[in-house]
N, C-alpha and C. Protein backbone atom coordinates (compact mmCIF):
# COMPACT_ATOMS: atom_id res chain seq x y z
N MET A 1 16.77 -3.80 12.65
CA MET A 1 16.16 -2.61 12.07
C MET A 1 15.72 -2.90 10.64
N ILE A 2 14.59 -2.37 10.28
CA ILE A 2 14.03 -2.59 8.95
C ILE A 2 14.65 -1.61 7.96
N ASP A 3 15.05 -2.12 6.82
CA ASP A 3 15.67 -1.32 5.78
C ASP A 3 14.60 -0.56 4.99
N LYS A 4 14.55 0.75 5.16
CA LYS A 4 13.55 1.58 4.47
C LYS A 4 13.63 1.42 2.96
N GLN A 5 14.85 1.41 2.44
CA GLN A 5 15.01 1.30 0.99
C GLN A 5 14.41 0.00 0.48
N ARG A 6 14.56 -1.09 1.25
CA ARG A 6 13.98 -2.39 0.85
C ARG A 6 12.46 -2.27 0.80
N ILE A 7 11.87 -1.59 1.76
CA ILE A 7 10.42 -1.40 1.76
C ILE A 7 10.01 -0.64 0.51
N TYR A 8 10.71 0.43 0.18
CA TYR A 8 10.37 1.23 -1.00
C TYR A 8 10.58 0.44 -2.29
N GLU A 9 11.58 -0.44 -2.33
CA GLU A 9 11.78 -1.32 -3.48
C GLU A 9 10.59 -2.25 -3.66
N ILE A 10 10.11 -2.80 -2.56
CA ILE A 10 8.95 -3.69 -2.61
C ILE A 10 7.73 -2.93 -3.12
N LEU A 11 7.52 -1.72 -2.60
CA LEU A 11 6.37 -0.92 -3.06
C LEU A 11 6.44 -0.69 -4.56
N SER A 12 7.63 -0.47 -5.07
CA SER A 12 7.81 -0.20 -6.50
C SER A 12 7.48 -1.41 -7.37
N GLN A 13 7.42 -2.59 -6.79
CA GLN A 13 7.10 -3.81 -7.54
C GLN A 13 5.59 -4.05 -7.67
N ILE A 14 4.80 -3.37 -6.87
CA ILE A 14 3.34 -3.60 -6.89
C ILE A 14 2.80 -3.04 -8.21
N PRO A 15 2.20 -3.91 -9.03
CA PRO A 15 1.73 -3.44 -10.34
C PRO A 15 0.59 -2.42 -10.24
N ARG A 16 0.54 -1.55 -11.21
CA ARG A 16 -0.56 -0.60 -11.35
C ARG A 16 -1.87 -1.38 -11.42
N GLY A 17 -2.88 -0.89 -10.72
CA GLY A 17 -4.18 -1.56 -10.73
C GLY A 17 -4.30 -2.72 -9.77
N ARG A 18 -3.30 -2.90 -8.92
CA ARG A 18 -3.30 -3.97 -7.93
C ARG A 18 -2.99 -3.37 -6.57
N VAL A 19 -3.31 -4.08 -5.51
CA VAL A 19 -2.99 -3.67 -4.14
C VAL A 19 -2.37 -4.85 -3.42
N THR A 20 -1.70 -4.56 -2.33
CA THR A 20 -1.18 -5.60 -1.45
C THR A 20 -1.38 -5.11 -0.02
N THR A 21 -0.99 -5.92 0.93
CA THR A 21 -1.22 -5.59 2.34
C THR A 21 0.09 -5.21 3.03
N TYR A 22 -0.06 -4.49 4.14
CA TYR A 22 1.09 -4.16 4.97
C TYR A 22 1.80 -5.45 5.39
N LYS A 23 1.02 -6.47 5.72
CA LYS A 23 1.58 -7.75 6.15
C LYS A 23 2.41 -8.39 5.04
N GLU A 24 1.94 -8.32 3.81
CA GLU A 24 2.68 -8.89 2.69
C GLU A 24 3.99 -8.12 2.46
N VAL A 25 3.95 -6.82 2.57
CA VAL A 25 5.17 -6.02 2.43
C VAL A 25 6.17 -6.41 3.52
N ALA A 26 5.69 -6.57 4.74
CA ALA A 26 6.56 -6.98 5.85
C ALA A 26 7.15 -8.36 5.59
N ARG A 27 6.32 -9.28 5.11
CA ARG A 27 6.80 -10.63 4.81
C ARG A 27 7.92 -10.58 3.78
N LEU A 28 7.71 -9.81 2.72
CA LEU A 28 8.72 -9.70 1.67
C LEU A 28 10.01 -9.04 2.18
N ALA A 29 9.88 -8.19 3.17
CA ALA A 29 11.04 -7.53 3.76
C ALA A 29 11.72 -8.39 4.82
N GLY A 30 11.11 -9.53 5.11
CA GLY A 30 11.71 -10.44 6.08
C GLY A 30 11.52 -10.03 7.53
N THR A 31 10.39 -9.39 7.82
CA THR A 31 10.13 -8.95 9.18
C THR A 31 8.68 -9.22 9.58
N ARG A 32 8.46 -9.28 10.87
CA ARG A 32 7.09 -9.36 11.40
C ARG A 32 6.70 -8.02 12.03
N GLY A 33 7.52 -7.03 11.81
CA GLY A 33 7.27 -5.70 12.36
C GLY A 33 6.29 -4.93 11.49
N TYR A 34 5.04 -5.38 11.48
CA TYR A 34 4.02 -4.80 10.60
C TYR A 34 3.81 -3.31 10.88
N GLN A 35 3.78 -2.95 12.16
CA GLN A 35 3.57 -1.54 12.49
C GLN A 35 4.75 -0.69 12.04
N ALA A 36 5.95 -1.20 12.21
CA ALA A 36 7.14 -0.46 11.76
C ALA A 36 7.10 -0.28 10.24
N VAL A 37 6.68 -1.32 9.54
CA VAL A 37 6.55 -1.23 8.09
C VAL A 37 5.51 -0.17 7.73
N GLY A 38 4.40 -0.15 8.44
CA GLY A 38 3.37 0.86 8.21
C GLY A 38 3.89 2.27 8.43
N GLN A 39 4.71 2.44 9.43
CA GLN A 39 5.29 3.76 9.70
C GLN A 39 6.26 4.18 8.60
N ILE A 40 7.04 3.24 8.11
CA ILE A 40 7.95 3.54 7.00
C ILE A 40 7.15 3.93 5.76
N ILE A 41 6.11 3.16 5.49
CA ILE A 41 5.28 3.45 4.31
C ILE A 41 4.62 4.82 4.45
N SER A 42 4.14 5.14 5.64
CA SER A 42 3.45 6.42 5.83
C SER A 42 4.41 7.60 5.70
N ALA A 43 5.71 7.35 5.86
CA ALA A 43 6.71 8.42 5.74
C ALA A 43 7.35 8.46 4.35
N ASN A 44 6.79 7.73 3.40
CA ASN A 44 7.32 7.66 2.05
C ASN A 44 7.50 9.06 1.46
N PRO A 45 8.73 9.49 1.23
CA PRO A 45 8.95 10.85 0.72
C PRO A 45 8.69 10.98 -0.78
N ASN A 46 8.45 9.86 -1.45
CA ASN A 46 8.30 9.88 -2.90
C ASN A 46 6.93 9.39 -3.37
N ALA A 47 5.92 9.61 -2.56
CA ALA A 47 4.56 9.25 -2.97
C ALA A 47 4.07 10.26 -3.99
N PRO A 48 3.33 9.88 -5.00
CA PRO A 48 2.92 8.52 -5.35
C PRO A 48 3.85 7.80 -6.32
N GLU A 49 5.01 8.39 -6.65
CA GLU A 49 5.93 7.70 -7.55
C GLU A 49 6.33 6.34 -7.00
N VAL A 50 6.61 6.28 -5.71
CA VAL A 50 6.76 5.01 -5.01
C VAL A 50 5.38 4.73 -4.44
N PRO A 51 4.65 3.78 -5.02
CA PRO A 51 3.20 3.67 -4.85
C PRO A 51 2.71 3.10 -3.51
N CYS A 52 2.89 3.87 -2.45
CA CYS A 52 2.41 3.43 -1.15
C CYS A 52 0.88 3.42 -1.10
N HIS A 53 0.22 4.11 -2.03
CA HIS A 53 -1.24 4.09 -2.06
C HIS A 53 -1.79 2.71 -2.41
N ARG A 54 -0.94 1.82 -2.89
CA ARG A 54 -1.35 0.46 -3.26
C ARG A 54 -1.28 -0.52 -2.10
N VAL A 55 -1.01 -0.02 -0.90
CA VAL A 55 -0.92 -0.88 0.29
C VAL A 55 -2.13 -0.63 1.17
N VAL A 56 -2.82 -1.72 1.53
CA VAL A 56 -4.04 -1.64 2.33
C VAL A 56 -3.97 -2.65 3.48
N ARG A 57 -4.95 -2.62 4.33
CA ARG A 57 -5.01 -3.57 5.45
C ARG A 57 -5.41 -4.96 4.95
N SER A 58 -5.16 -5.95 5.77
CA SER A 58 -5.44 -7.35 5.40
C SER A 58 -6.91 -7.64 5.15
N ASP A 59 -7.79 -6.81 5.69
CA ASP A 59 -9.22 -7.02 5.46
C ASP A 59 -9.73 -6.24 4.24
N GLY A 60 -8.82 -5.59 3.52
CA GLY A 60 -9.20 -4.83 2.34
C GLY A 60 -9.57 -3.38 2.62
N SER A 61 -9.58 -2.99 3.90
CA SER A 61 -9.86 -1.59 4.20
C SER A 61 -8.62 -0.76 3.86
N LEU A 62 -8.82 0.52 3.66
CA LEU A 62 -7.79 1.37 3.08
C LEU A 62 -6.57 1.61 3.95
N GLY A 63 -6.71 1.60 5.25
CA GLY A 63 -5.58 1.97 6.10
C GLY A 63 -5.39 3.47 6.00
N GLY A 64 -4.18 3.94 6.07
CA GLY A 64 -3.93 5.37 6.04
C GLY A 64 -3.28 5.83 4.76
N TYR A 65 -3.06 7.12 4.70
CA TYR A 65 -2.31 7.74 3.62
C TYR A 65 -1.89 9.10 4.13
N ALA A 66 -0.66 9.45 3.92
CA ALA A 66 -0.09 10.67 4.49
C ALA A 66 -0.91 11.90 4.16
N GLU A 67 -1.22 12.67 5.18
CA GLU A 67 -1.96 13.92 4.98
C GLU A 67 -1.20 14.85 4.05
N SER A 68 0.12 14.82 4.13
CA SER A 68 0.92 15.69 3.27
C SER A 68 0.80 15.30 1.80
N ALA A 69 0.37 14.07 1.55
CA ALA A 69 0.18 13.60 0.17
C ALA A 69 -1.28 13.67 -0.25
N GLY A 70 -2.15 14.16 0.63
CA GLY A 70 -3.57 14.31 0.28
C GLY A 70 -4.52 13.44 1.07
N GLY A 71 -3.99 12.63 1.98
CA GLY A 71 -4.84 11.81 2.84
C GLY A 71 -5.63 10.75 2.08
N ILE A 72 -6.60 10.19 2.77
CA ILE A 72 -7.42 9.11 2.20
C ILE A 72 -8.13 9.52 0.91
N PRO A 73 -8.67 10.73 0.79
CA PRO A 73 -9.30 11.09 -0.49
C PRO A 73 -8.33 10.95 -1.67
N ARG A 74 -7.08 11.32 -1.47
CA ARG A 74 -6.09 11.19 -2.55
C ARG A 74 -5.77 9.73 -2.82
N LYS A 75 -5.70 8.90 -1.77
CA LYS A 75 -5.46 7.47 -1.95
C LYS A 75 -6.57 6.86 -2.80
N ILE A 76 -7.80 7.20 -2.49
CA ILE A 76 -8.94 6.70 -3.26
C ILE A 76 -8.85 7.18 -4.71
N GLU A 77 -8.51 8.45 -4.90
CA GLU A 77 -8.39 9.00 -6.25
C GLU A 77 -7.32 8.25 -7.05
N LEU A 78 -6.15 8.03 -6.45
CA LEU A 78 -5.07 7.33 -7.15
C LEU A 78 -5.47 5.90 -7.50
N LEU A 79 -6.07 5.20 -6.55
CA LEU A 79 -6.50 3.83 -6.82
C LEU A 79 -7.56 3.79 -7.91
N THR A 80 -8.50 4.71 -7.87
CA THR A 80 -9.56 4.77 -8.87
C THR A 80 -8.97 5.03 -10.26
N LEU A 81 -8.01 5.93 -10.35
CA LEU A 81 -7.34 6.20 -11.63
C LEU A 81 -6.66 4.96 -12.20
N GLU A 82 -6.27 4.04 -11.32
CA GLU A 82 -5.63 2.80 -11.75
C GLU A 82 -6.63 1.68 -11.99
N GLY A 83 -7.91 1.96 -11.81
CA GLY A 83 -8.93 0.95 -12.06
C GLY A 83 -9.30 0.10 -10.86
N VAL A 84 -8.84 0.49 -9.67
CA VAL A 84 -9.19 -0.23 -8.44
C VAL A 84 -10.40 0.48 -7.83
N ARG A 85 -11.46 -0.27 -7.65
CA ARG A 85 -12.69 0.31 -7.08
C ARG A 85 -12.64 0.27 -5.56
N VAL A 86 -13.08 1.37 -4.97
CA VAL A 86 -13.19 1.47 -3.51
C VAL A 86 -14.66 1.66 -3.19
N ASP A 87 -15.17 0.83 -2.28
CA ASP A 87 -16.57 0.89 -1.89
C ASP A 87 -16.67 0.89 -0.37
N ALA A 88 -17.21 1.96 0.17
CA ALA A 88 -17.41 2.08 1.62
C ALA A 88 -16.10 1.87 2.39
N GLY A 89 -15.01 2.46 1.89
CA GLY A 89 -13.74 2.39 2.60
C GLY A 89 -12.96 1.11 2.46
N LYS A 90 -13.41 0.24 1.54
CA LYS A 90 -12.72 -1.03 1.31
C LYS A 90 -12.50 -1.23 -0.18
N ILE A 91 -11.51 -2.04 -0.50
CA ILE A 91 -11.23 -2.38 -1.88
C ILE A 91 -12.30 -3.36 -2.37
N ALA A 92 -13.02 -2.98 -3.43
CA ALA A 92 -14.00 -3.89 -4.03
C ALA A 92 -13.23 -4.99 -4.76
N ASP A 93 -13.76 -6.20 -4.74
CA ASP A 93 -13.10 -7.33 -5.39
C ASP A 93 -11.66 -7.49 -4.89
N PHE A 94 -11.50 -7.37 -3.59
CA PHE A 94 -10.18 -7.36 -2.97
C PHE A 94 -9.31 -8.53 -3.41
N GLU A 95 -9.82 -9.74 -3.34
CA GLU A 95 -8.99 -10.90 -3.68
C GLU A 95 -8.61 -10.91 -5.15
N ARG A 96 -9.43 -10.35 -6.00
CA ARG A 96 -9.13 -10.30 -7.44
C ARG A 96 -7.99 -9.33 -7.74
N VAL A 97 -7.93 -8.21 -7.04
CA VAL A 97 -6.91 -7.20 -7.32
C VAL A 97 -5.72 -7.28 -6.36
N ARG A 98 -5.77 -8.23 -5.46
CA ARG A 98 -4.69 -8.37 -4.48
C ARG A 98 -3.45 -8.98 -5.13
N TRP A 99 -2.29 -8.35 -4.89
CA TRP A 99 -1.02 -8.80 -5.44
C TRP A 99 -0.23 -9.54 -4.38
N HIS A 100 0.27 -10.70 -4.78
CA HIS A 100 1.18 -11.48 -3.94
C HIS A 100 2.46 -11.68 -4.73
N ALA A 101 3.57 -11.36 -4.15
CA ALA A 101 4.85 -11.60 -4.82
C ALA A 101 5.16 -13.09 -4.79
N GLY A 102 5.85 -13.55 -5.80
CA GLY A 102 6.19 -14.96 -5.92
C GLY A 102 7.11 -15.47 -4.92
């Protein structure tokens, strides 16, 4: 079973103005359960303080964002406020703003 708290700890490490992928979060959590990680992230009770809006798909597309937290429009708004540009549903300059943990 995947430790939810570990996932939220990882999210808290993603720097402002950067994004990472669901796959990277799963890797850091020591699991290949990418979908399970996505479900945990989507149920984040502390968004946006625990910055799940900084997690996107591996191709740079936005993925989801909880409707209760404002859905995709809110995800775009939060990312834009942090200086991350979104263009046509994808992160602009994805590789430049992509965060990889050491």
